[in-house]
């Protein structure tokens, strides 16, 4: 047998073995319960979504889906926990835009791009800009004019330095050419209470956290991120409608697996998660909470994260944002 012929046969056998291995990996997945790590405390929106979709995923996969809350460290603890499990798709983690912000502001026990494999985004959560009823402004243009007339005198509330609400407020400062000051709180409840009383004048927050205050008139909602109005707050204009086109502060939430997980399993996870999150009963419940199903292929999700990383880095450097 000629050497070239032997090599060709060996390569063919290797290719067949590789294909067979991929097929076996896909067919045998999942072979045990799936652990769905939520890096936030129980009771929050991410946990609600996880419990909402887990029973439907169990039906598809024929295996239990265990929701495992691992809060702490601004989601760092939960992401690090994923890396304690084998890269076989049987453990996944809920990520958000905070995952990228941590990489720019904190010393991490992992590499956000080397150690994780993006699976799919699940949903978006817009951010709504609210102002205290004591602020003499009723729309975005009036707020910007007021801030320009009193540089550095208006304060905005955040729930974590370097978090998504902080980034949104500094982006508003940059794009509107204003200067407002951060006041950091330990939670949305105290922050919104102080905003209502006028201790702080404005804040960005998830609509679900502020919706009751807005509907009761205790806070004024003047603009919301995203390219269209949310059905939960149809009276609130988008930033483009309010006079600040190009402003984007939408928070994505998605699923990641451990790097090294076979592509066939990543694709299976991605397609099944996307199918479940788009089911009418699921999407309707999410829309009522001012969130929207939002899915991507693994490749598109990875590209989105890299683009967001560049944007966040620019904002952080310009505003000189640092963690407490």
C-alpha atoms as a PDB file:
ATOM      1  CA  UNK A   1       0.000   0.000   0.000  1.00  0.00           C
ATOM      2  CA  UNK A   2       1.306   3.426  -0.920  1.00  0.00           C
ATOM      3  CA  UNK A   3       2.114   5.784   1.949  1.00  0.00           C
ATOM      4  CA  UNK A   4      -0.289   8.457   0.617  1.00  0.00           C
ATOM      5  CA  UNK A   5      -3.111   5.926   0.390  1.00  0.00           C
ATOM      6  CA  UNK A   6      -2.502   4.773   3.958  1.00  0.00           C
ATOM      7  CA  UNK A   7      -2.539   8.353   5.229  1.00  0.00           C
ATOM      8  CA  UNK A   8      -5.784   9.022   3.366  1.00  0.00           C
ATOM      9  CA  UNK A   9      -7.414   5.978   4.935  1.00  0.00           C
ATOM     10  CA  UNK A  10      -6.235   6.968   8.418  1.00  0.00           C
ATOM     11  CA  UNK A  11      -7.649  10.470   7.961  1.00  0.00           C
ATOM     12  CA  UNK A  12     -10.940   9.043   6.752  1.00  0.00           C
ATOM     13  CA  UNK A  13     -11.179   6.777   9.783  1.00  0.00           C
ATOM     14  CA  UNK A  14     -10.391   9.702  12.091  1.00  0.00           C
ATOM     15  CA  UNK A  15     -13.106  11.779  10.456  1.00  0.00           C
ATOM     16  CA  UNK A  16     -15.629   8.974  10.871  1.00  0.00           C
ATOM     17  CA  UNK A  17     -14.667   8.526  14.518  1.00  0.00           C
ATOM     18  CA  UNK A  18     -15.041  12.260  15.098  1.00  0.00           C
ATOM     19  CA  UNK A  19     -18.473  12.310  13.485  1.00  0.00           C
ATOM     20  CA  UNK A  20     -19.523   9.267  15.437  1.00  0.00           C
ATOM     21  CA  UNK A  21     -18.357  10.862  18.670  1.00  0.00           C
ATOM     22  CA  UNK A  22     -20.320  14.033  17.888  1.00  0.00           C
ATOM     23  CA  UNK A  23     -23.427  12.023  17.135  1.00  0.00           C
ATOM     24  CA  UNK A  24     -23.097  10.064  20.355  1.00  0.00           C
ATOM     25  CA  UNK A  25     -22.593  13.286  22.370  1.00  0.00           C
ATOM     26  CA  UNK A  26     -25.726  14.814  20.888  1.00  0.00           C
ATOM     27  CA  UNK A  27     -27.860  11.685  21.207  1.00  0.00           C
ATOM     28  CA  UNK A  28     -26.816  11.017  24.811  1.00  0.00           C
ATOM     29  CA  UNK A  29     -27.436  14.592  25.955  1.00  0.00           C
ATOM     30  CA  UNK A  30     -28.819  15.056  28.478  1.00  0.00           C
ATOM     31  CA  UNK A  31     -28.047  11.890  30.372  1.00  0.00           C
ATOM     32  CA  UNK A  32     -28.611  13.325  33.860  1.00  0.00           C
ATOM     33  CA  UNK A  33     -30.286  16.340  35.520  1.00  0.00           C
ATOM     34  CA  UNK A  34     -29.369  19.804  34.265  1.00  0.00           C
ATOM     35  CA  UNK A  35     -28.131  22.312  36.841  1.00  0.00           C
ATOM     36  CA  UNK A  36     -29.273  25.855  35.973  1.00  0.00           C
ATOM     37  CA  UNK A  37     -27.093  28.226  38.038  1.00  0.00           C
ATOM     38  CA  UNK A  38     -28.640  31.626  38.802  1.00  0.00           C
ATOM     39  CA  UNK A  39     -25.996  34.040  40.165  1.00  0.00           C
ATOM     40  CA  UNK A  40     -28.620  36.126  41.973  1.00  0.00           C
ATOM     41  CA  UNK A  41     -30.633  35.663  45.203  1.00  0.00           C
ATOM     42  CA  UNK A  42     -33.957  33.781  45.041  1.00  0.00           C
ATOM     43  CA  UNK A  43     -37.013  35.890  44.272  1.00  0.00           C
ATOM     44  CA  UNK A  44     -35.489  38.097  41.592  1.00  0.00           C
ATOM     45  CA  UNK A  45     -36.478  38.282  37.950  1.00  0.00           C
ATOM     46  CA  UNK A  46     -33.842  35.836  36.740  1.00  0.00           C
ATOM     47  CA  UNK A  47     -35.010  33.195  39.199  1.00  0.00           C
ATOM     48  CA  UNK A  48     -38.625  33.747  38.156  1.00  0.00           C
ATOM     49  CA  UNK A  49     -37.715  33.191  34.503  1.00  0.00           C
ATOM     50  CA  UNK A  50     -35.636  30.122  35.338  1.00  0.00           C
ATOM     51  CA  UNK A  51     -38.535  28.525  37.212  1.00  0.00           C
ATOM     52  CA  UNK A  52     -40.884  29.522  34.396  1.00  0.00           C
ATOM     53  CA  UNK A  53     -38.942  27.732  31.663  1.00  0.00           C
ATOM     54  CA  UNK A  54     -37.458  24.822  33.632  1.00  0.00           C
ATOM     55  CA  UNK A  55     -40.559  22.560  33.520  1.00  0.00           C
ATOM     56  CA  UNK A  56     -40.808  22.949  29.757  1.00  0.00           C
ATOM     57  CA  UNK A  57     -37.114  22.182  29.320  1.00  0.00           C
ATOM     58  CA  UNK A  58     -37.569  19.083  31.473  1.00  0.00           C
ATOM     59  CA  UNK A  59     -40.324  17.923  29.124  1.00  0.00           C
ATOM     60  CA  UNK A  60     -38.051  18.319  26.109  1.00  0.00           C
ATOM     61  CA  UNK A  61     -34.962  16.796  27.683  1.00  0.00           C
ATOM     62  CA  UNK A  62     -36.579  14.074  29.769  1.00  0.00           C
ATOM     63  CA  UNK A  63     -34.422  15.136  32.717  1.00  0.00           C
ATOM     64  CA  UNK A  64     -35.056  17.400  35.724  1.00  0.00           C
ATOM     65  CA  UNK A  65     -33.780  20.978  35.511  1.00  0.00           C
ATOM     66  CA  UNK A  66     -32.558  22.095  38.931  1.00  0.00           C
ATOM     67  CA  UNK A  67     -32.539  25.849  39.564  1.00  0.00           C
ATOM     68  CA  UNK A  68     -29.479  26.552  41.723  1.00  0.00           C
ATOM     69  CA  UNK A  69     -29.157  30.081  43.156  1.00  0.00           C
ATOM     70  CA  UNK A  70     -25.525  31.051  43.799  1.00  0.00           C
ATOM     71  CA  UNK A  71     -25.656  34.774  44.667  1.00  0.00           C
ATOM     72  CA  UNK A  72     -22.776  37.017  45.658  1.00  0.00           C
ATOM     73  CA  UNK A  73     -19.881  38.983  44.272  1.00  0.00           C
ATOM     74  CA  UNK A  74     -22.027  40.828  41.721  1.00  0.00           C
ATOM     75  CA  UNK A  75     -22.653  37.464  39.919  1.00  0.00           C
ATOM     76  CA  UNK A  76     -18.979  36.406  40.107  1.00  0.00           C
ATOM     77  CA  UNK A  77     -19.646  33.569  42.573  1.00  0.00           C
ATOM     78  CA  UNK A  78     -22.297  31.986  40.379  1.00  0.00           C
ATOM     79  CA  UNK A  79     -20.194  32.151  37.235  1.00  0.00           C
ATOM     80  CA  UNK A  80     -17.188  30.713  39.036  1.00  0.00           C
ATOM     81  CA  UNK A  81     -19.379  27.855  40.322  1.00  0.00           C
ATOM     82  CA  UNK A  82     -20.097  26.744  36.756  1.00  0.00           C
ATOM     83  CA  UNK A  83     -16.405  26.027  36.236  1.00  0.00           C
ATOM     84  CA  UNK A  84     -16.545  23.366  38.961  1.00  0.00           C
ATOM     85  CA  UNK A  85     -18.654  21.157  36.685  1.00  0.00           C
ATOM     86  CA  UNK A  86     -17.563  19.137  33.622  1.00  0.00           C
ATOM     87  CA  UNK A  87     -17.877  20.819  30.200  1.00  0.00           C
ATOM     88  CA  UNK A  88     -20.703  18.551  29.052  1.00  0.00           C
ATOM     89  CA  UNK A  89     -23.726  20.886  29.072  1.00  0.00           C
ATOM     90  CA  UNK A  90     -25.249  19.449  32.233  1.00  0.00           C
ATOM     91  CA  UNK A  91     -24.502  22.700  34.083  1.00  0.00           C
ATOM     92  CA  UNK A  92     -25.340  26.129  32.645  1.00  0.00           C
ATOM     93  CA  UNK A  93     -25.397  29.636  34.087  1.00  0.00           C
ATOM     94  CA  UNK A  94     -27.612  32.666  33.604  1.00  0.00           C
ATOM     95  CA  UNK A  95     -25.511  35.649  32.538  1.00  0.00           C
ATOM     96  CA  UNK A  96     -26.319  39.285  31.946  1.00  0.00           C
ATOM     97  CA  UNK A  97     -24.566  42.462  30.885  1.00  0.00           C
ATOM     98  CA  UNK A  98     -23.078  42.529  34.399  1.00  0.00           C
ATOM     99  CA  UNK A  99     -20.880  39.586  33.387  1.00  0.00           C
ATOM    100  CA  UNK A 100     -18.980  41.898  31.019  1.00  0.00           C
ATOM    101  CA  UNK A 101     -18.866  44.865  33.391  1.00  0.00           C
ATOM    102  CA  UNK A 102     -17.225  42.690  36.027  1.00  0.00           C
ATOM    103  CA  UNK A 103     -14.472  41.837  33.566  1.00  0.00           C
ATOM    104  CA  UNK A 104     -13.673  45.531  33.169  1.00  0.00           C
ATOM    105  CA  UNK A 105     -13.899  46.523  36.825  1.00  0.00           C
ATOM    106  CA  UNK A 106     -12.965  43.562  39.023  1.00  0.00           C
ATOM    107  CA  UNK A 107     -10.240  40.979  39.416  1.00  0.00           C
ATOM    108  CA  UNK A 108     -11.890  37.727  38.351  1.00  0.00           C
ATOM    109  CA  UNK A 109     -11.084  34.075  39.098  1.00  0.00           C
ATOM    110  CA  UNK A 110     -11.845  33.282  35.450  1.00  0.00           C
ATOM    111  CA  UNK A 111     -11.459  34.652  31.944  1.00  0.00           C
ATOM    112  CA  UNK A 112     -14.884  35.715  30.623  1.00  0.00           C
ATOM    113  CA  UNK A 113     -14.122  34.736  27.041  1.00  0.00           C
ATOM    114  CA  UNK A 114     -11.723  31.821  27.428  1.00  0.00           C
ATOM    115  CA  UNK A 115     -13.627  29.915  30.135  1.00  0.00           C
ATOM    116  CA  UNK A 116     -17.222  30.280  28.945  1.00  0.00           C
ATOM    117  CA  UNK A 117     -19.200  29.268  25.868  1.00  0.00           C
ATOM    118  CA  UNK A 118     -22.140  31.549  24.924  1.00  0.00           C
ATOM    119  CA  UNK A 119     -25.321  29.544  24.276  1.00  0.00           C
ATOM    120  CA  UNK A 120     -28.113  32.053  23.641  1.00  0.00           C
ATOM    121  CA  UNK A 121     -29.638  35.223  24.935  1.00  0.00           C
ATOM    122  CA  UNK A 122     -33.047  34.658  26.548  1.00  0.00           C
ATOM    123  CA  UNK A 123     -34.598  38.053  27.088  1.00  0.00           C
ATOM    124  CA  UNK A 124     -34.062  41.775  27.301  1.00  0.00           C
ATOM    125  CA  UNK A 125     -34.897  44.030  30.202  1.00  0.00           C
ATOM    126  CA  UNK A 126     -35.231  47.671  29.328  1.00  0.00           C
ATOM    127  CA  UNK A 127     -34.223  50.439  31.717  1.00  0.00           C
ATOM    128  CA  UNK A 128     -36.633  53.218  32.504  1.00  0.00           C
ATOM    129  CA  UNK A 129     -35.466  56.697  33.479  1.00  0.00           C
ATOM    130  CA  UNK A 130     -37.567  58.042  36.325  1.00  0.00           C
ATOM    131  CA  UNK A 131     -37.433  61.343  38.160  1.00  0.00           C
ATOM    132  CA  UNK A 132     -38.754  62.483  41.511  1.00  0.00           C
ATOM    133  CA  UNK A 133     -42.111  64.280  41.441  1.00  0.00           C
ATOM    134  CA  UNK A 134     -40.252  67.128  43.188  1.00  0.00           C
ATOM    135  CA  UNK A 135     -38.113  67.720  40.068  1.00  0.00           C
ATOM    136  CA  UNK A 136     -39.520  70.584  37.951  1.00  0.00           C
ATOM    137  CA  UNK A 137     -39.359  68.659  34.675  1.00  0.00           C
ATOM    138  CA  UNK A 138     -41.897  66.520  32.861  1.00  0.00           C
ATOM    139  CA  UNK A 139     -39.937  65.158  29.929  1.00  0.00           C
ATOM    140  CA  UNK A 140     -36.380  64.338  28.890  1.00  0.00           C
ATOM    141  CA  UNK A 141     -35.688  67.680  27.202  1.00  0.00           C
ATOM    142  CA  UNK A 142     -36.778  69.583  30.308  1.00  0.00           C
ATOM    143  CA  UNK A 143     -34.642  67.322  32.533  1.00  0.00           C
ATOM    144  CA  UNK A 144     -31.564  67.871  30.340  1.00  0.00           C
ATOM    145  CA  UNK A 145     -32.148  71.636  30.341  1.00  0.00           C
ATOM    146  CA  UNK A 146     -32.486  71.604  34.138  1.00  0.00           C
ATOM    147  CA  UNK A 147     -29.296  69.558  34.550  1.00  0.00           C
ATOM    148  CA  UNK A 148     -27.379  71.933  32.274  1.00  0.00           C
ATOM    149  CA  UNK A 149     -28.548  74.898  34.336  1.00  0.00           C
ATOM    150  CA  UNK A 150     -27.392  73.187  37.556  1.00  0.00           C
ATOM    151  CA  UNK A 151     -24.244  71.228  36.669  1.00  0.00           C
ATOM    152  CA  UNK A 152     -23.382  68.676  39.351  1.00  0.00           C
ATOM    153  CA  UNK A 153     -26.406  69.510  41.512  1.00  0.00           C
ATOM    154  CA  UNK A 154     -28.733  66.688  40.434  1.00  0.00           C
ATOM    155  CA  UNK A 155     -28.094  63.233  41.890  1.00  0.00           C
ATOM    156  CA  UNK A 156     -28.916  59.846  40.423  1.00  0.00           C
ATOM    157  CA  UNK A 157     -29.406  56.640  42.403  1.00  0.00           C
ATOM    158  CA  UNK A 158     -27.663  53.371  41.559  1.00  0.00           C
ATOM    159  CA  UNK A 159     -27.738  49.929  43.159  1.00  0.00           C
ATOM    160  CA  UNK A 160     -24.090  49.111  42.466  1.00  0.00           C
ATOM    161  CA  UNK A 161     -21.045  51.029  41.315  1.00  0.00           C
ATOM    162  CA  UNK A 162     -20.107  49.809  37.878  1.00  0.00           C
ATOM    163  CA  UNK A 163     -23.462  48.092  37.408  1.00  0.00           C
ATOM    164  CA  UNK A 164     -25.909  48.525  34.571  1.00  0.00           C
ATOM    165  CA  UNK A 165     -27.820  51.393  36.225  1.00  0.00           C
ATOM    166  CA  UNK A 166     -24.540  53.241  36.783  1.00  0.00           C
ATOM    167  CA  UNK A 167     -23.474  52.735  33.178  1.00  0.00           C
ATOM    168  CA  UNK A 168     -26.856  53.957  31.898  1.00  0.00           C
ATOM    169  CA  UNK A 169     -26.693  57.154  33.960  1.00  0.00           C
ATOM    170  CA  UNK A 170     -23.149  57.934  32.834  1.00  0.00           C
ATOM    171  CA  UNK A 171     -24.114  57.261  29.223  1.00  0.00           C
ATOM    172  CA  UNK A 172     -26.903  59.818  29.636  1.00  0.00           C
ATOM    173  CA  UNK A 173     -24.356  62.299  31.020  1.00  0.00           C
ATOM    174  CA  UNK A 174     -22.092  61.703  28.027  1.00  0.00           C
ATOM    175  CA  UNK A 175     -24.730  61.862  25.304  1.00  0.00           C
ATOM    176  CA  UNK A 176     -26.722  64.759  26.763  1.00  0.00           C
ATOM    177  CA  UNK A 177     -23.666  66.799  27.770  1.00  0.00           C
ATOM    178  CA  UNK A 178     -24.747  67.074  31.402  1.00  0.00           C
ATOM    179  CA  UNK A 179     -23.193  66.360  34.802  1.00  0.00           C
ATOM    180  CA  UNK A 180     -25.188  64.488  37.420  1.00  0.00           C
ATOM    181  CA  UNK A 181     -23.759  62.796  40.507  1.00  0.00           C
ATOM    182  CA  UNK A 182     -24.002  59.165  41.632  1.00  0.00           C
ATOM    183  CA  UNK A 183     -25.469  58.141  44.996  1.00  0.00           C
ATOM    184  CA  UNK A 184     -25.080  54.400  45.539  1.00  0.00           C
ATOM    185  CA  UNK A 185     -27.618  52.245  47.401  1.00  0.00           C
ATOM    186  CA  UNK A 186     -27.699  48.627  48.521  1.00  0.00           C
ATOM    187  CA  UNK A 187     -30.968  47.894  46.747  1.00  0.00           C
ATOM    188  CA  UNK A 188     -33.666  49.257  44.453  1.00  0.00           C
ATOM    189  CA  UNK A 189     -36.164  49.654  47.306  1.00  0.00           C
ATOM    190  CA  UNK A 190     -34.198  52.236  49.328  1.00  0.00           C
ATOM    191  CA  UNK A 191     -33.085  53.988  46.140  1.00  0.00           C
ATOM    192  CA  UNK A 192     -36.634  54.437  44.851  1.00  0.00           C
ATOM    193  CA  UNK A 193     -37.866  55.533  48.284  1.00  0.00           C
ATOM    194  CA  UNK A 194     -35.273  58.297  48.398  1.00  0.00           C
ATOM    195  CA  UNK A 195     -36.092  59.273  44.823  1.00  0.00           C
ATOM    196  CA  UNK A 196     -39.784  59.616  45.673  1.00  0.00           C
ATOM    197  CA  UNK A 197     -38.943  61.889  48.616  1.00  0.00           C
ATOM    198  CA  UNK A 198     -36.502  63.958  46.545  1.00  0.00           C
ATOM    199  CA  UNK A 199     -33.266  62.959  48.293  1.00  0.00           C
ATOM    200  CA  UNK A 200     -32.049  61.925  44.841  1.00  0.00           C
ATOM    201  CA  UNK A 201     -33.589  63.325  41.689  1.00  0.00           C
ATOM    202  CA  UNK A 202     -33.399  60.538  39.108  1.00  0.00           C
ATOM    203  CA  UNK A 203     -32.512  56.918  38.468  1.00  0.00           C
ATOM    204  CA  UNK A 204     -32.445  54.152  35.918  1.00  0.00           C
ATOM    205  CA  UNK A 205     -34.137  50.929  36.938  1.00  0.00           C
ATOM    206  CA  UNK A 206     -35.852  47.837  35.564  1.00  0.00           C
ATOM    207  CA  UNK A 207     -39.492  48.674  34.772  1.00  0.00           C
ATOM    208  CA  UNK A 208     -40.730  45.778  36.911  1.00  0.00           C
ATOM    209  CA  UNK A 209     -39.160  47.389  40.003  1.00  0.00           C
ATOM    210  CA  UNK A 210     -40.645  50.834  39.402  1.00  0.00           C
ATOM    211  CA  UNK A 211     -43.909  50.127  37.601  1.00  0.00           C
ATOM    212  CA  UNK A 212     -46.174  50.438  40.645  1.00  0.00           C
ATOM    213  CA  UNK A 213     -44.560  53.737  41.654  1.00  0.00           C
ATOM    214  CA  UNK A 214     -44.970  55.039  38.103  1.00  0.00           C
ATOM    215  CA  UNK A 215     -48.615  54.018  37.785  1.00  0.00           C
ATOM    216  CA  UNK A 216     -49.454  55.538  41.175  1.00  0.00           C
ATOM    217  CA  UNK A 217     -47.788  58.839  40.242  1.00  0.00           C
ATOM    218  CA  UNK A 218     -45.112  58.636  42.931  1.00  0.00           C
ATOM    219  CA  UNK A 219     -42.421  58.690  40.227  1.00  0.00           C
ATOM    220  CA  UNK A 220     -42.391  60.305  36.808  1.00  0.00           C
ATOM    221  CA  UNK A 221     -41.179  58.041  33.988  1.00  0.00           C
ATOM    222  CA  UNK A 222     -39.788  60.142  31.179  1.00  0.00           C
ATOM    223  CA  UNK A 223     -38.043  57.680  28.829  1.00  0.00           C
ATOM    224  CA  UNK A 224     -37.312  53.989  28.361  1.00  0.00           C
ATOM    225  CA  UNK A 225     -34.484  52.205  26.557  1.00  0.00           C
ATOM    226  CA  UNK A 226     -35.124  50.014  23.539  1.00  0.00           C
ATOM    227  CA  UNK A 227     -36.347  50.761  20.033  1.00  0.00           C
ATOM    228  CA  UNK A 228     -40.049  50.654  20.881  1.00  0.00           C
ATOM    229  CA  UNK A 229     -42.326  51.293  23.823  1.00  0.00           C
ATOM    230  CA  UNK A 230     -43.054  48.499  26.253  1.00  0.00           C
ATOM    231  CA  UNK A 231     -46.668  47.281  26.525  1.00  0.00           C
ATOM    232  CA  UNK A 232     -46.342  47.395  30.320  1.00  0.00           C
ATOM    233  CA  UNK A 233     -45.774  51.190  30.186  1.00  0.00           C
ATOM    234  CA  UNK A 234     -47.237  52.302  26.850  1.00  0.00           C
ATOM    235  CA  UNK A 235     -47.314  55.974  27.877  1.00  0.00           C
ATOM    236  CA  UNK A 236     -43.532  56.171  28.345  1.00  0.00           C
ATOM    237  CA  UNK A 237     -41.625  57.242  25.194  1.00  0.00           C
ATOM    238  CA  UNK A 238     -38.391  55.695  24.029  1.00  0.00           C
ATOM    239  CA  UNK A 239     -35.255  57.810  24.268  1.00  0.00           C
ATOM    240  CA  UNK A 240     -35.383  58.382  20.518  1.00  0.00           C
ATOM    241  CA  UNK A 241     -38.962  59.641  20.777  1.00  0.00           C
ATOM    242  CA  UNK A 242     -37.995  61.780  23.770  1.00  0.00           C
ATOM    243  CA  UNK A 243     -35.223  63.510  21.821  1.00  0.00           C
ATOM    244  CA  UNK A 244     -32.060  61.456  22.450  1.00  0.00           C
ATOM    245  CA  UNK A 245     -31.662  59.042  19.515  1.00  0.00           C
ATOM    246  CA  UNK A 246     -28.888  56.461  19.786  1.00  0.00           C
ATOM    247  CA  UNK A 247     -29.199  56.034  23.540  1.00  0.00           C
ATOM    248  CA  UNK A 248     -29.130  52.302  24.383  1.00  0.00           C
ATOM    249  CA  UNK A 249     -29.137  50.832  27.875  1.00  0.00           C
ATOM    250  CA  UNK A 250     -31.019  47.599  27.394  1.00  0.00           C
ATOM    251  CA  UNK A 251     -29.811  44.750  29.618  1.00  0.00           C
ATOM    252  CA  UNK A 252     -29.630  41.288  28.066  1.00  0.00           C
ATOM    253  CA  UNK A 253     -29.925  38.049  29.975  1.00  0.00           C
ATOM    254  CA  UNK A 254     -28.664  34.821  28.475  1.00  0.00           C
ATOM    255  CA  UNK A 255     -27.239  31.382  29.098  1.00  0.00           C
ATOM    256  CA  UNK A 256     -23.630  30.243  28.992  1.00  0.00           C
ATOM    257  CA  UNK A 257     -22.009  26.837  29.321  1.00  0.00           C
ATOM    258  CA  UNK A 258     -18.478  25.973  30.217  1.00  0.00           C
ATOM    259  CA  UNK A 259     -15.864  26.332  27.468  1.00  0.00           C
ATOM    260  CA  UNK A 260     -14.995  22.983  25.957  1.00  0.00           C
ATOM    261  CA  UNK A 261     -18.594  21.809  25.802  1.00  0.00           C
ATOM    262  CA  UNK A 262     -19.083  20.058  22.417  1.00  0.00           C
ATOM    263  CA  UNK A 263     -20.569  22.307  19.734  1.00  0.00           C
ATOM    264  CA  UNK A 264     -23.386  19.835  19.139  1.00  0.00           C
ATOM    265  CA  UNK A 265     -24.507  20.199  22.734  1.00  0.00           C
ATOM    266  CA  UNK A 266     -24.142  23.990  22.661  1.00  0.00           C
ATOM    267  CA  UNK A 267     -26.356  24.115  19.567  1.00  0.00           C
ATOM    268  CA  UNK A 268     -28.893  21.755  21.144  1.00  0.00           C
ATOM    269  CA  UNK A 269     -29.072  23.898  24.285  1.00  0.00           C
ATOM    270  CA  UNK A 270     -29.401  27.054  22.200  1.00  0.00           C
ATOM    271  CA  UNK A 271     -32.225  25.802  19.980  1.00  0.00           C
ATOM    272  CA  UNK A 272     -34.197  24.242  22.854  1.00  0.00           C
ATOM    273  CA  UNK A 273     -33.889  27.308  25.092  1.00  0.00           C
ATOM    274  CA  UNK A 274     -34.946  29.585  22.230  1.00  0.00           C
ATOM    275  CA  UNK A 275     -37.929  27.384  21.436  1.00  0.00           C
ATOM    276  CA  UNK A 276     -39.154  27.425  25.036  1.00  0.00           C
ATOM    277  CA  UNK A 277     -38.674  31.146  25.675  1.00  0.00           C
ATOM    278  CA  UNK A 278     -40.722  31.965  22.555  1.00  0.00           C
ATOM    279  CA  UNK A 279     -43.723  29.844  23.517  1.00  0.00           C
ATOM    280  CA  UNK A 280     -46.813  32.110  23.747  1.00  0.00           C
ATOM    281  CA  UNK A 281     -47.607  31.445  27.411  1.00  0.00           C
ATOM    282  CA  UNK A 282     -43.993  32.187  28.385  1.00  0.00           C
ATOM    283  CA  UNK A 283     -43.537  35.283  26.230  1.00  0.00           C
ATOM    284  CA  UNK A 284     -46.884  36.747  27.352  1.00  0.00           C
ATOM    285  CA  UNK A 285     -45.909  36.525  31.018  1.00  0.00           C
ATOM    286  CA  UNK A 286     -42.557  38.147  30.284  1.00  0.00           C
ATOM    287  CA  UNK A 287     -44.067  41.025  28.304  1.00  0.00           C
ATOM    288  CA  UNK A 288     -46.385  41.770  31.220  1.00  0.00           C
ATOM    289  CA  UNK A 289     -43.262  42.230  33.362  1.00  0.00           C
ATOM    290  CA  UNK A 290     -41.740  44.642  30.794  1.00  0.00           C
ATOM    291  CA  UNK A 291     -39.243  42.096  29.506  1.00  0.00           C
ATOM    292  CA  UNK A 292     -39.105  40.689  25.998  1.00  0.00           C
ATOM    293  CA  UNK A 293     -37.926  37.311  24.648  1.00  0.00           C
ATOM    294  CA  UNK A 294     -34.681  37.874  22.776  1.00  0.00           C
ATOM    295  CA  UNK A 295     -32.718  34.940  21.381  1.00  0.00           C
ATOM    296  CA  UNK A 296     -29.505  34.606  19.393  1.00  0.00           C
ATOM    297  CA  UNK A 297     -27.371  31.852  17.956  1.00  0.00           C
ATOM    298  CA  UNK A 298     -24.214  31.065  19.935  1.00  0.00           C
ATOM    299  CA  UNK A 299     -22.132  32.864  17.305  1.00  0.00           C
ATOM    300  CA  UNK A 300     -24.307  35.988  17.332  1.00  0.00           C
ATOM    301  CA  UNK A 301     -24.347  36.017  21.127  1.00  0.00           C
ATOM    302  CA  UNK A 302     -20.543  35.884  21.247  1.00  0.00           C
ATOM    303  CA  UNK A 303     -20.348  38.780  18.764  1.00  0.00           C
ATOM    304  CA  UNK A 304     -22.855  40.801  20.822  1.00  0.00           C
ATOM    305  CA  UNK A 305     -20.769  40.349  23.958  1.00  0.00           C
ATOM    306  CA  UNK A 306     -17.587  41.516  22.243  1.00  0.00           C
ATOM    307  CA  UNK A 307     -19.354  44.607  20.873  1.00  0.00           C
ATOM    308  CA  UNK A 308     -20.882  45.432  24.265  1.00  0.00           C
ATOM    309  CA  UNK A 309     -17.500  44.984  25.921  1.00  0.00           C
ATOM    310  CA  UNK A 310     -16.033  47.696  23.715  1.00  0.00           C
ATOM    311  CA  UNK A 311     -18.937  50.054  24.434  1.00  0.00           C
ATOM    312  CA  UNK A 312     -18.776  49.498  28.197  1.00  0.00           C
ATOM    313  CA  UNK A 313     -15.023  50.021  28.214  1.00  0.00           C
ATOM    314  CA  UNK A 314     -15.423  53.390  26.498  1.00  0.00           C
ATOM    315  CA  UNK A 315     -18.060  54.560  28.988  1.00  0.00           C
ATOM    316  CA  UNK A 316     -16.092  53.350  32.016  1.00  0.00           C
ATOM    317  CA  UNK A 317     -12.903  55.109  30.891  1.00  0.00           C
ATOM    318  CA  UNK A 318     -14.677  58.358  30.012  1.00  0.00           C
ATOM    319  CA  UNK A 319     -16.623  58.482  33.285  1.00  0.00           C
ATOM    320  CA  UNK A 320     -13.695  57.099  35.341  1.00  0.00           C
ATOM    321  CA  UNK A 321     -15.985  54.519  36.931  1.00  0.00           C
ATOM    322  CA  UNK A 322     -14.512  52.346  39.652  1.00  0.00           C
ATOM    323  CA  UNK A 323     -15.945  49.722  41.974  1.00  0.00           C
ATOM    324  CA  UNK A 324     -16.580  50.654  45.591  1.00  0.00           C
END
